[in-house]
mmCIF file of all heavy atoms, coordinates in Angstrom:
data_MODEL
# 
_entry.id   MODEL 
# 
loop_
_atom_site.group_PDB 
_atom_site.id 
_atom_site.type_symbol 
_atom_site.label_atom_id 
_atom_site.label_alt_id 
_atom_site.label_comp_id 
_atom_site.label_asym_id 
_atom_site.label_entity_id 
_atom_site.label_seq_id 
_atom_site.pdbx_PDB_ins_code 
_atom_site.Cartn_x 
_atom_site.Cartn_y 
_atom_site.Cartn_z 
_atom_site.occupancy 
_atom_site.B_iso_or_equiv 
_atom_site.pdbx_formal_charge 
_atom_site.auth_seq_id 
_atom_site.auth_comp_id 
_atom_site.auth_asym_id 
_atom_site.auth_atom_id 
_atom_site.pdbx_PDB_model_num 
ATOM 1   N N   . GLY A 1 1  ? 0.880  -1.260  -0.009 1.00 0.00 ? 1  GLY A N   1 
ATOM 2   C CA  . GLY A 1 1  ? -0.039 -0.036  -0.047 1.00 0.00 ? 1  GLY A CA  1 
ATOM 3   C C   . GLY A 1 1  ? 0.881  1.230   0.003  1.00 0.00 ? 1  GLY A C   1 
ATOM 4   O O   . GLY A 1 1  ? 0.982  1.984   -0.989 1.00 0.00 ? 1  GLY A O   1 
ATOM 5   N N   . HIS A 1 2  ? 1.555  1.425   1.149  1.00 0.00 ? 2  HIS A N   1 
ATOM 6   C CA  . HIS A 1 2  ? 2.494  2.550   1.196  1.00 0.00 ? 2  HIS A CA  1 
ATOM 7   C C   . HIS A 1 2  ? 3.745  2.380   0.135  1.00 0.00 ? 2  HIS A C   1 
ATOM 8   O O   . HIS A 1 2  ? 3.946  3.241   -0.614 1.00 0.00 ? 2  HIS A O   1 
ATOM 9   C CB  . HIS A 1 2  ? 3.138  2.616   2.548  1.00 0.00 ? 2  HIS A CB  1 
ATOM 10  C CG  . HIS A 1 2  ? 4.087  3.835   2.877  1.00 0.00 ? 2  HIS A CG  1 
ATOM 11  N ND1 . HIS A 1 2  ? 3.662  5.073   2.778  1.00 0.00 ? 2  HIS A ND1 1 
ATOM 12  C CD2 . HIS A 1 2  ? 5.386  3.803   3.016  1.00 0.00 ? 2  HIS A CD2 1 
ATOM 13  C CE1 . HIS A 1 2  ? 4.742  5.844   2.979  1.00 0.00 ? 2  HIS A CE1 1 
ATOM 14  N NE2 . HIS A 1 2  ? 5.798  5.087   3.179  1.00 0.00 ? 2  HIS A NE2 1 
ATOM 15  N N   . THR A 1 3  ? 4.168  1.205   0.177  1.00 0.00 ? 3  THR A N   1 
ATOM 16  C CA  . THR A 1 3  ? 5.111  0.689   -1.007 1.00 0.00 ? 3  THR A CA  1 
ATOM 17  C C   . THR A 1 3  ? 4.564  -0.663  -1.448 1.00 0.00 ? 3  THR A C   1 
ATOM 18  O O   . THR A 1 3  ? 3.711  -1.269  -0.815 1.00 0.00 ? 3  THR A O   1 
ATOM 19  C CB  . THR A 1 3  ? 6.530  0.620   -0.601 1.00 0.00 ? 3  THR A CB  1 
ATOM 20  O OG1 . THR A 1 3  ? 6.740  -0.499  0.440  1.00 0.00 ? 3  THR A OG1 1 
ATOM 21  C CG2 . THR A 1 3  ? 7.094  1.883   -0.027 1.00 0.00 ? 3  THR A CG2 1 
ATOM 22  N N   . ALA A 1 4  ? 5.090  -1.125  -2.577 1.00 0.00 ? 4  ALA A N   1 
ATOM 23  C CA  . ALA A 1 4  ? 4.583  -2.332  -3.125 1.00 0.00 ? 4  ALA A CA  1 
ATOM 24  C C   . ALA A 1 4  ? 4.950  -3.500  -2.350 1.00 0.00 ? 4  ALA A C   1 
ATOM 25  O O   . ALA A 1 4  ? 4.134  -4.607  -2.287 1.00 0.00 ? 4  ALA A O   1 
ATOM 26  C CB  . ALA A 1 4  ? 5.001  -2.458  -4.637 1.00 0.00 ? 4  ALA A CB  1 
ATOM 27  N N   . GLY A 1 5  ? 6.139  -3.534  -1.618 1.00 0.00 ? 5  GLY A N   1 
ATOM 28  C CA  . GLY A 1 5  ? 6.563  -4.693  -0.956 1.00 0.00 ? 5  GLY A CA  1 
ATOM 29  C C   . GLY A 1 5  ? 6.614  -4.559  0.523  1.00 0.00 ? 5  GLY A C   1 
ATOM 30  O O   . GLY A 1 5  ? 7.269  -5.270  1.294  1.00 0.00 ? 5  GLY A O   1 
ATOM 31  N N   . HIS A 1 6  ? 5.910  -3.580  1.075  1.00 0.00 ? 6  HIS A N   1 
ATOM 32  C CA  . HIS A 1 6  ? 5.922  -3.319  2.536  1.00 0.00 ? 6  HIS A CA  1 
ATOM 33  C C   . HIS A 1 6  ? 5.674  -4.554  3.378  1.00 0.00 ? 6  HIS A C   1 
ATOM 34  O O   . HIS A 1 6  ? 4.722  -5.263  3.023  1.00 0.00 ? 6  HIS A O   1 
ATOM 35  C CB  . HIS A 1 6  ? 5.025  -2.139  2.851  1.00 0.00 ? 6  HIS A CB  1 
ATOM 36  C CG  . HIS A 1 6  ? 5.177  -1.462  4.192  1.00 0.00 ? 6  HIS A CG  1 
ATOM 37  N ND1 . HIS A 1 6  ? 5.154  -2.178  5.385  1.00 0.00 ? 6  HIS A ND1 1 
ATOM 38  C CD2 . HIS A 1 6  ? 5.611  -0.264  4.542  1.00 0.00 ? 6  HIS A CD2 1 
ATOM 39  C CE1 . HIS A 1 6  ? 5.328  -1.282  6.398  1.00 0.00 ? 6  HIS A CE1 1 
ATOM 40  N NE2 . HIS A 1 6  ? 5.704  -0.137  5.921  1.00 0.00 ? 6  HIS A NE2 1 
ATOM 41  N N   . VAL A 1 7  ? 6.358  -4.804  4.448  1.00 0.00 ? 7  VAL A N   1 
ATOM 42  C CA  . VAL A 1 7  ? 5.942  -5.886  5.390  1.00 0.00 ? 7  VAL A CA  1 
ATOM 43  C C   . VAL A 1 7  ? 5.910  -5.379  6.789  1.00 0.00 ? 7  VAL A C   1 
ATOM 44  O O   . VAL A 1 7  ? 6.529  -4.248  7.120  1.00 0.00 ? 7  VAL A O   1 
ATOM 45  C CB  . VAL A 1 7  ? 6.977  -7.042  5.289  1.00 0.00 ? 7  VAL A CB  1 
ATOM 46  C CG1 . VAL A 1 7  ? 6.970  -7.648  3.928  1.00 0.00 ? 7  VAL A CG1 1 
ATOM 47  C CG2 . VAL A 1 7  ? 8.365  -6.631  5.759  1.00 0.00 ? 7  VAL A CG2 1 
ATOM 48  N N   . CYS A 1 8  ? 5.231  -6.032  7.700  1.00 0.00 ? 8  CYS A N   1 
ATOM 49  C CA  . CYS A 1 8  ? 5.170  -5.775  9.126  1.00 0.00 ? 8  CYS A CA  1 
ATOM 50  C C   . CYS A 1 8  ? 5.660  -6.994  9.819  1.00 0.00 ? 8  CYS A C   1 
ATOM 51  O O   . CYS A 1 8  ? 5.669  -8.098  9.291  1.00 0.00 ? 8  CYS A O   1 
ATOM 52  C CB  . CYS A 1 8  ? 3.840  -5.389  9.618  1.00 0.00 ? 8  CYS A CB  1 
ATOM 53  S SG  . CYS A 1 8  ? 3.044  -3.938  8.800  1.00 0.00 ? 8  CYS A SG  1 
ATOM 54  N N   . TYR A 1 9  ? 6.217  -6.804  11.016 1.00 0.00 ? 9  TYR A N   1 
ATOM 55  C CA  . TYR A 1 9  ? 6.693  -7.935  11.818 1.00 0.00 ? 9  TYR A CA  1 
ATOM 56  C C   . TYR A 1 9  ? 5.860  -7.953  13.205 1.00 0.00 ? 9  TYR A C   1 
ATOM 57  O O   . TYR A 1 9  ? 5.819  -6.958  13.792 1.00 0.00 ? 9  TYR A O   1 
ATOM 58  C CB  . TYR A 1 9  ? 8.170  -7.781  12.182 1.00 0.00 ? 9  TYR A CB  1 
ATOM 59  C CG  . TYR A 1 9  ? 9.028  -7.596  10.928 1.00 0.00 ? 9  TYR A CG  1 
ATOM 60  C CD1 . TYR A 1 9  ? 9.274  -6.366  10.424 1.00 0.00 ? 9  TYR A CD1 1 
ATOM 61  C CD2 . TYR A 1 9  ? 9.649  -8.817  10.395 1.00 0.00 ? 9  TYR A CD2 1 
ATOM 62  C CE1 . TYR A 1 9  ? 10.147 -6.382  9.211  1.00 0.00 ? 9  TYR A CE1 1 
ATOM 63  C CE2 . TYR A 1 9  ? 10.371 -8.729  9.298  1.00 0.00 ? 9  TYR A CE2 1 
ATOM 64  C CZ  . TYR A 1 9  ? 10.654 -7.475  8.663  1.00 0.00 ? 9  TYR A CZ  1 
ATOM 65  O OH  . TYR A 1 9  ? 11.465 -7.393  7.663  1.00 0.00 ? 9  TYR A OH  1 
ATOM 66  N N   . PHE A 1 10 ? 5.380  -9.151  13.560 1.00 0.00 ? 10 PHE A N   1 
ATOM 67  C CA  . PHE A 1 10 ? 4.514  -9.306  14.681 1.00 0.00 ? 10 PHE A CA  1 
ATOM 68  C C   . PHE A 1 10 ? 5.019  -10.381 15.627 1.00 0.00 ? 10 PHE A C   1 
ATOM 69  O O   . PHE A 1 10 ? 5.274  -11.468 15.258 1.00 0.00 ? 10 PHE A O   1 
ATOM 70  C CB  . PHE A 1 10 ? 3.068  -9.542  14.423 1.00 0.00 ? 10 PHE A CB  1 
ATOM 71  C CG  . PHE A 1 10 ? 2.196  -9.773  15.633 1.00 0.00 ? 10 PHE A CG  1 
ATOM 72  C CD1 . PHE A 1 10 ? 1.857  -8.769  16.523 1.00 0.00 ? 10 PHE A CD1 1 
ATOM 73  C CD2 . PHE A 1 10 ? 1.657  -11.081 15.857 1.00 0.00 ? 10 PHE A CD2 1 
ATOM 74  C CE1 . PHE A 1 10 ? 1.156  -9.001  17.608 1.00 0.00 ? 10 PHE A CE1 1 
ATOM 75  C CE2 . PHE A 1 10 ? 0.818  -11.309 16.930 1.00 0.00 ? 10 PHE A CE2 1 
ATOM 76  C CZ  . PHE A 1 10 ? 0.601  -10.203 17.803 1.00 0.00 ? 10 PHE A CZ  1 
ATOM 77  N N   . SER A 1 11 ? 5.350  -9.951  16.912 1.00 0.00 ? 11 SER A N   1 
ATOM 78  C CA  . SER A 1 11 ? 5.743  -10.949 17.896 1.00 0.00 ? 11 SER A CA  1 
ATOM 79  C C   . SER A 1 11 ? 4.942  -10.437 19.141 1.00 0.00 ? 11 SER A C   1 
ATOM 80  O O   . SER A 1 11 ? 5.288  -9.507  19.724 1.00 0.00 ? 11 SER A O   1 
ATOM 81  C CB  . SER A 1 11 ? 7.182  -10.998 18.151 1.00 0.00 ? 11 SER A CB  1 
ATOM 82  O OG  . SER A 1 11 ? 7.464  -12.016 19.224 1.00 0.00 ? 11 SER A OG  1 
ATOM 83  N N   . ASP A 1 12 ? 3.815  -11.170 19.488 1.00 0.00 ? 12 ASP A N   1 
ATOM 84  C CA  . ASP A 1 12 ? 2.989  -10.728 20.542 1.00 0.00 ? 12 ASP A CA  1 
ATOM 85  C C   . ASP A 1 12 ? 3.746  -10.229 21.788 1.00 0.00 ? 12 ASP A C   1 
ATOM 86  O O   . ASP A 1 12 ? 4.468  -10.925 22.290 1.00 0.00 ? 12 ASP A O   1 
ATOM 87  C CB  . ASP A 1 12 ? 2.054  -11.909 20.877 1.00 0.00 ? 12 ASP A CB  1 
ATOM 88  C CG  . ASP A 1 12 ? 0.772  -11.582 21.698 1.00 0.00 ? 12 ASP A CG  1 
ATOM 89  O OD1 . ASP A 1 12 ? 0.606  -10.386 21.979 1.00 0.00 ? 12 ASP A OD1 1 
ATOM 90  O OD2 . ASP A 1 12 ? -0.012 -12.406 21.946 1.00 0.00 ? 12 ASP A OD2 1 
ATOM 91  N N   . PRO A 1 13 ? 3.416  -8.906  22.200 1.00 0.00 ? 13 PRO A N   1 
ATOM 92  C CA  . PRO A 1 13 ? 2.458  -7.990  21.751 1.00 0.00 ? 13 PRO A CA  1 
ATOM 93  C C   . PRO A 1 13 ? 2.966  -7.003  20.760 1.00 0.00 ? 13 PRO A C   1 
ATOM 94  O O   . PRO A 1 13 ? 2.248  -6.036  20.450 1.00 0.00 ? 13 PRO A O   1 
ATOM 95  C CB  . PRO A 1 13 ? 2.009  -7.302  23.034 1.00 0.00 ? 13 PRO A CB  1 
ATOM 96  C CG  . PRO A 1 13 ? 3.404  -7.238  23.762 1.00 0.00 ? 13 PRO A CG  1 
ATOM 97  C CD  . PRO A 1 13 ? 4.135  -8.414  23.427 1.00 0.00 ? 13 PRO A CD  1 
ATOM 98  N N   . TYR A 1 14 ? 4.186  -7.121  20.220 1.00 0.00 ? 14 TYR A N   1 
ATOM 99  C CA  . TYR A 1 14 ? 4.748  -6.044  19.461 1.00 0.00 ? 14 TYR A CA  1 
ATOM 100 C C   . TYR A 1 14 ? 4.515  -6.190  17.984 1.00 0.00 ? 14 TYR A C   1 
ATOM 101 O O   . TYR A 1 14 ? 4.708  -7.123  17.274 1.00 0.00 ? 14 TYR A O   1 
ATOM 102 C CB  . TYR A 1 14 ? 6.264  -6.112  19.651 1.00 0.00 ? 14 TYR A CB  1 
ATOM 103 C CG  . TYR A 1 14 ? 6.752  -6.124  21.036 1.00 0.00 ? 14 TYR A CG  1 
ATOM 104 C CD1 . TYR A 1 14 ? 7.238  -7.347  21.694 1.00 0.00 ? 14 TYR A CD1 1 
ATOM 105 C CD2 . TYR A 1 14 ? 6.718  -4.985  21.853 1.00 0.00 ? 14 TYR A CD2 1 
ATOM 106 C CE1 . TYR A 1 14 ? 7.684  -7.332  23.033 1.00 0.00 ? 14 TYR A CE1 1 
ATOM 107 C CE2 . TYR A 1 14 ? 7.058  -5.033  23.252 1.00 0.00 ? 14 TYR A CE2 1 
ATOM 108 C CZ  . TYR A 1 14 ? 7.523  -6.196  23.799 1.00 0.00 ? 14 TYR A CZ  1 
ATOM 109 O OH  . TYR A 1 14 ? 7.872  -6.194  25.038 1.00 0.00 ? 14 TYR A OH  1 
ATOM 110 N N   . LEU A 1 15 ? 3.978  -5.078  17.382 1.00 0.00 ? 15 LEU A N   1 
ATOM 111 C CA  . LEU A 1 15 ? 3.855  -5.025  15.894 1.00 0.00 ? 15 LEU A CA  1 
ATOM 112 C C   . LEU A 1 15 ? 4.664  -3.900  15.375 1.00 0.00 ? 15 LEU A C   1 
ATOM 113 O O   . LEU A 1 15 ? 4.365  -2.677  15.709 1.00 0.00 ? 15 LEU A O   1 
ATOM 114 C CB  . LEU A 1 15 ? 2.384  -4.748  15.581 1.00 0.00 ? 15 LEU A CB  1 
ATOM 115 C CG  . LEU A 1 15 ? 2.162  -4.610  13.982 1.00 0.00 ? 15 LEU A CG  1 
ATOM 116 C CD1 . LEU A 1 15 ? 2.309  -5.945  13.227 1.00 0.00 ? 15 LEU A CD1 1 
ATOM 117 C CD2 . LEU A 1 15 ? 0.816  -3.976  13.612 1.00 0.00 ? 15 LEU A CD2 1 
ATOM 118 N N   . PHE A 1 16 ? 5.692  -4.219  14.675 1.00 0.00 ? 16 PHE A N   1 
ATOM 119 C CA  . PHE A 1 16 ? 6.580  -3.118  13.982 1.00 0.00 ? 16 PHE A CA  1 
ATOM 120 C C   . PHE A 1 16 ? 5.996  -2.912  12.459 1.00 0.00 ? 16 PHE A C   1 
ATOM 121 O O   . PHE A 1 16 ? 6.179  -3.845  11.605 1.00 0.00 ? 16 PHE A O   1 
ATOM 122 C CB  . PHE A 1 16 ? 7.944  -3.529  14.034 1.00 0.00 ? 16 PHE A CB  1 
ATOM 123 C CG  . PHE A 1 16 ? 8.563  -3.758  15.365 1.00 0.00 ? 16 PHE A CG  1 
ATOM 124 C CD1 . PHE A 1 16 ? 8.887  -5.097  15.874 1.00 0.00 ? 16 PHE A CD1 1 
ATOM 125 C CD2 . PHE A 1 16 ? 8.665  -2.709  16.134 1.00 0.00 ? 16 PHE A CD2 1 
ATOM 126 C CE1 . PHE A 1 16 ? 9.408  -5.290  17.140 1.00 0.00 ? 16 PHE A CE1 1 
ATOM 127 C CE2 . PHE A 1 16 ? 9.185  -2.763  17.420 1.00 0.00 ? 16 PHE A CE2 1 
ATOM 128 C CZ  . PHE A 1 16 ? 9.566  -4.095  18.005 1.00 0.00 ? 16 PHE A CZ  1 
ATOM 129 N N   . CYS A 1 17 ? 5.218  -1.883  12.405 1.00 0.00 ? 17 CYS A N   1 
ATOM 130 C CA  . CYS A 1 17 ? 4.335  -1.700  11.191 1.00 0.00 ? 17 CYS A CA  1 
ATOM 131 C C   . CYS A 1 17 ? 4.857  -0.667  10.332 1.00 0.00 ? 17 CYS A C   1 
ATOM 132 O O   . CYS A 1 17 ? 4.179  -0.292  9.246  1.00 0.00 ? 17 CYS A O   1 
ATOM 133 C CB  . CYS A 1 17 ? 2.952  -1.563  11.528 1.00 0.00 ? 17 CYS A CB  1 
ATOM 134 S SG  . CYS A 1 17 ? 2.647  -0.143  12.670 1.00 0.00 ? 17 CYS A SG  1 
ATOM 135 N N   . GLY A 1 18 ? 6.112  -0.070  10.499 1.00 0.00 ? 18 GLY A N   1 
ATOM 136 C CA  . GLY A 1 18 ? 6.659  0.887   9.528  1.00 0.00 ? 18 GLY A CA  1 
ATOM 137 C C   . GLY A 1 18 ? 5.733  2.041   9.241  1.00 0.00 ? 18 GLY A C   1 
ATOM 138 O O   . GLY A 1 18 ? 5.300  2.695   10.191 1.00 0.00 ? 18 GLY A O   1 
ATOM 139 N N   . ASP A 1 19 ? 5.362  2.150   7.962  1.00 0.00 ? 19 ASP A N   1 
ATOM 140 C CA  . ASP A 1 19 ? 4.467  3.315   7.510  1.00 0.00 ? 19 ASP A CA  1 
ATOM 141 C C   . ASP A 1 19 ? 3.155  2.764   7.098  1.00 0.00 ? 19 ASP A C   1 
ATOM 142 O O   . ASP A 1 19 ? 2.380  3.441   6.243  1.00 0.00 ? 19 ASP A O   1 
ATOM 143 C CB  . ASP A 1 19 ? 5.112  4.108   6.555  1.00 0.00 ? 19 ASP A CB  1 
ATOM 144 C CG  . ASP A 1 19 ? 6.250  4.930   6.953  1.00 0.00 ? 19 ASP A CG  1 
ATOM 145 O OD1 . ASP A 1 19 ? 6.431  5.027   8.165  1.00 0.00 ? 19 ASP A OD1 1 
ATOM 146 O OD2 . ASP A 1 19 ? 6.905  5.614   6.038  1.00 0.00 ? 19 ASP A OD2 1 
ATOM 147 N N   . THR A 1 20 ? 2.691  1.578   7.544  1.00 0.00 ? 20 THR A N   1 
ATOM 148 C CA  . THR A 1 20 ? 1.320  1.075   7.161  1.00 0.00 ? 20 THR A CA  1 
ATOM 149 C C   . THR A 1 20 ? 0.280  1.646   8.091  1.00 0.00 ? 20 THR A C   1 
ATOM 150 O O   . THR A 1 20 ? -0.590 2.251   7.573  1.00 0.00 ? 20 THR A O   1 
ATOM 151 C CB  . THR A 1 20 ? 1.325  -0.465  7.224  1.00 0.00 ? 20 THR A CB  1 
ATOM 152 O OG1 . THR A 1 20 ? 2.269  -1.055  6.215  1.00 0.00 ? 20 THR A OG1 1 
ATOM 153 C CG2 . THR A 1 20 ? -0.012 -0.979  6.875  1.00 0.00 ? 20 THR A CG2 1 
ATOM 154 N N   . LEU A 1 21 ? 0.395  1.510   9.335  1.00 0.00 ? 21 LEU A N   1 
ATOM 155 C CA  . LEU A 1 21 ? -0.579 2.019   10.271 1.00 0.00 ? 21 LEU A CA  1 
ATOM 156 C C   . LEU A 1 21 ? 0.162  3.076   11.232 1.00 0.00 ? 21 LEU A C   1 
ATOM 157 O O   . LEU A 1 21 ? 1.233  2.728   11.721 1.00 0.00 ? 21 LEU A O   1 
ATOM 158 C CB  . LEU A 1 21 ? -1.136 0.971   11.151 1.00 0.00 ? 21 LEU A CB  1 
ATOM 159 C CG  . LEU A 1 21 ? -2.173 1.284   12.087 1.00 0.00 ? 21 LEU A CG  1 
ATOM 160 C CD1 . LEU A 1 21 ? -3.514 1.856   11.448 1.00 0.00 ? 21 LEU A CD1 1 
ATOM 161 C CD2 . LEU A 1 21 ? -2.520 0.134   13.086 1.00 0.00 ? 21 LEU A CD2 1 
ATOM 162 N N   . PHE A 1 22 ? -0.466 4.153   11.394 1.00 0.00 ? 22 PHE A N   1 
ATOM 163 C CA  . PHE A 1 22 ? -0.107 5.163   12.413 1.00 0.00 ? 22 PHE A CA  1 
ATOM 164 C C   . PHE A 1 22 ? -1.168 5.306   13.414 1.00 0.00 ? 22 PHE A C   1 
ATOM 165 O O   . PHE A 1 22 ? -2.217 4.918   13.200 1.00 0.00 ? 22 PHE A O   1 
ATOM 166 C CB  . PHE A 1 22 ? 0.089  6.506   11.754 1.00 0.00 ? 22 PHE A CB  1 
ATOM 167 C CG  . PHE A 1 22 ? 1.185  6.536   10.758 1.00 0.00 ? 22 PHE A CG  1 
ATOM 168 C CD1 . PHE A 1 22 ? 0.952  6.905   9.380  1.00 0.00 ? 22 PHE A CD1 1 
ATOM 169 C CD2 . PHE A 1 22 ? 2.554  6.025   10.957 1.00 0.00 ? 22 PHE A CD2 1 
ATOM 170 C CE1 . PHE A 1 22 ? 1.915  6.959   8.397  1.00 0.00 ? 22 PHE A CE1 1 
ATOM 171 C CE2 . PHE A 1 22 ? 3.502  6.094   9.988  1.00 0.00 ? 22 PHE A CE2 1 
ATOM 172 C CZ  . PHE A 1 22 ? 3.219  6.474   8.701  1.00 0.00 ? 22 PHE A CZ  1 
ATOM 173 N N   . SER A 1 23 ? -0.861 5.953   14.521 1.00 0.00 ? 23 SER A N   1 
ATOM 174 C CA  . SER A 1 23 ? -1.847 6.230   15.526 1.00 0.00 ? 23 SER A CA  1 
ATOM 175 C C   . SER A 1 23 ? -2.827 7.234   14.947 1.00 0.00 ? 23 SER A C   1 
ATOM 176 O O   . SER A 1 23 ? -2.486 8.434   14.568 1.00 0.00 ? 23 SER A O   1 
ATOM 177 C CB  . SER A 1 23 ? -1.332 6.742   16.785 1.00 0.00 ? 23 SER A CB  1 
ATOM 178 O OG  . SER A 1 23 ? -2.361 6.865   17.776 1.00 0.00 ? 23 SER A OG  1 
ATOM 179 N N   . GLY A 1 24 ? -4.131 6.900   14.655 1.00 0.00 ? 24 GLY A N   1 
ATOM 180 C CA  . GLY A 1 24 ? -5.030 7.762   14.081 1.00 0.00 ? 24 GLY A CA  1 
ATOM 181 C C   . GLY A 1 24 ? -5.036 7.934   12.516 1.00 0.00 ? 24 GLY A C   1 
ATOM 182 O O   . GLY A 1 24 ? -5.726 8.736   12.042 1.00 0.00 ? 24 GLY A O   1 
ATOM 183 N N   . GLY A 1 25 ? -4.109 7.151   11.975 1.00 0.00 ? 25 GLY A N   1 
ATOM 184 C CA  . GLY A 1 25 ? -3.938 7.286   10.491 1.00 0.00 ? 25 GLY A CA  1 
ATOM 185 C C   . GLY A 1 25 ? -3.408 6.068   9.763  1.00 0.00 ? 25 GLY A C   1 
ATOM 186 O O   . GLY A 1 25 ? -3.151 5.034   10.492 1.00 0.00 ? 25 GLY A O   1 
ATOM 187 N N   . CYS A 1 26 ? -2.941 6.187   8.592  1.00 0.00 ? 26 CYS A N   1 
ATOM 188 C CA  . CYS A 1 26 ? -2.237 5.137   7.826  1.00 0.00 ? 26 CYS A CA  1 
ATOM 189 C C   . CYS A 1 26 ? -1.362 5.847   6.845  1.00 0.00 ? 26 CYS A C   1 
ATOM 190 O O   . CYS A 1 26 ? -1.367 7.035   6.617  1.00 0.00 ? 26 CYS A O   1 
ATOM 191 C CB  . CYS A 1 26 ? -3.287 4.267   7.179  1.00 0.00 ? 26 CYS A CB  1 
ATOM 192 S SG  . CYS A 1 26 ? -4.091 4.979   5.716  1.00 0.00 ? 26 CYS A SG  1 
# 
């Protein structure tokens, strides 16, 4: 979405989501 190949990393409870989701935005 933000870029074509963007990924996120999740290890409960941490989500490192780069520029996909922001607080109150995306």
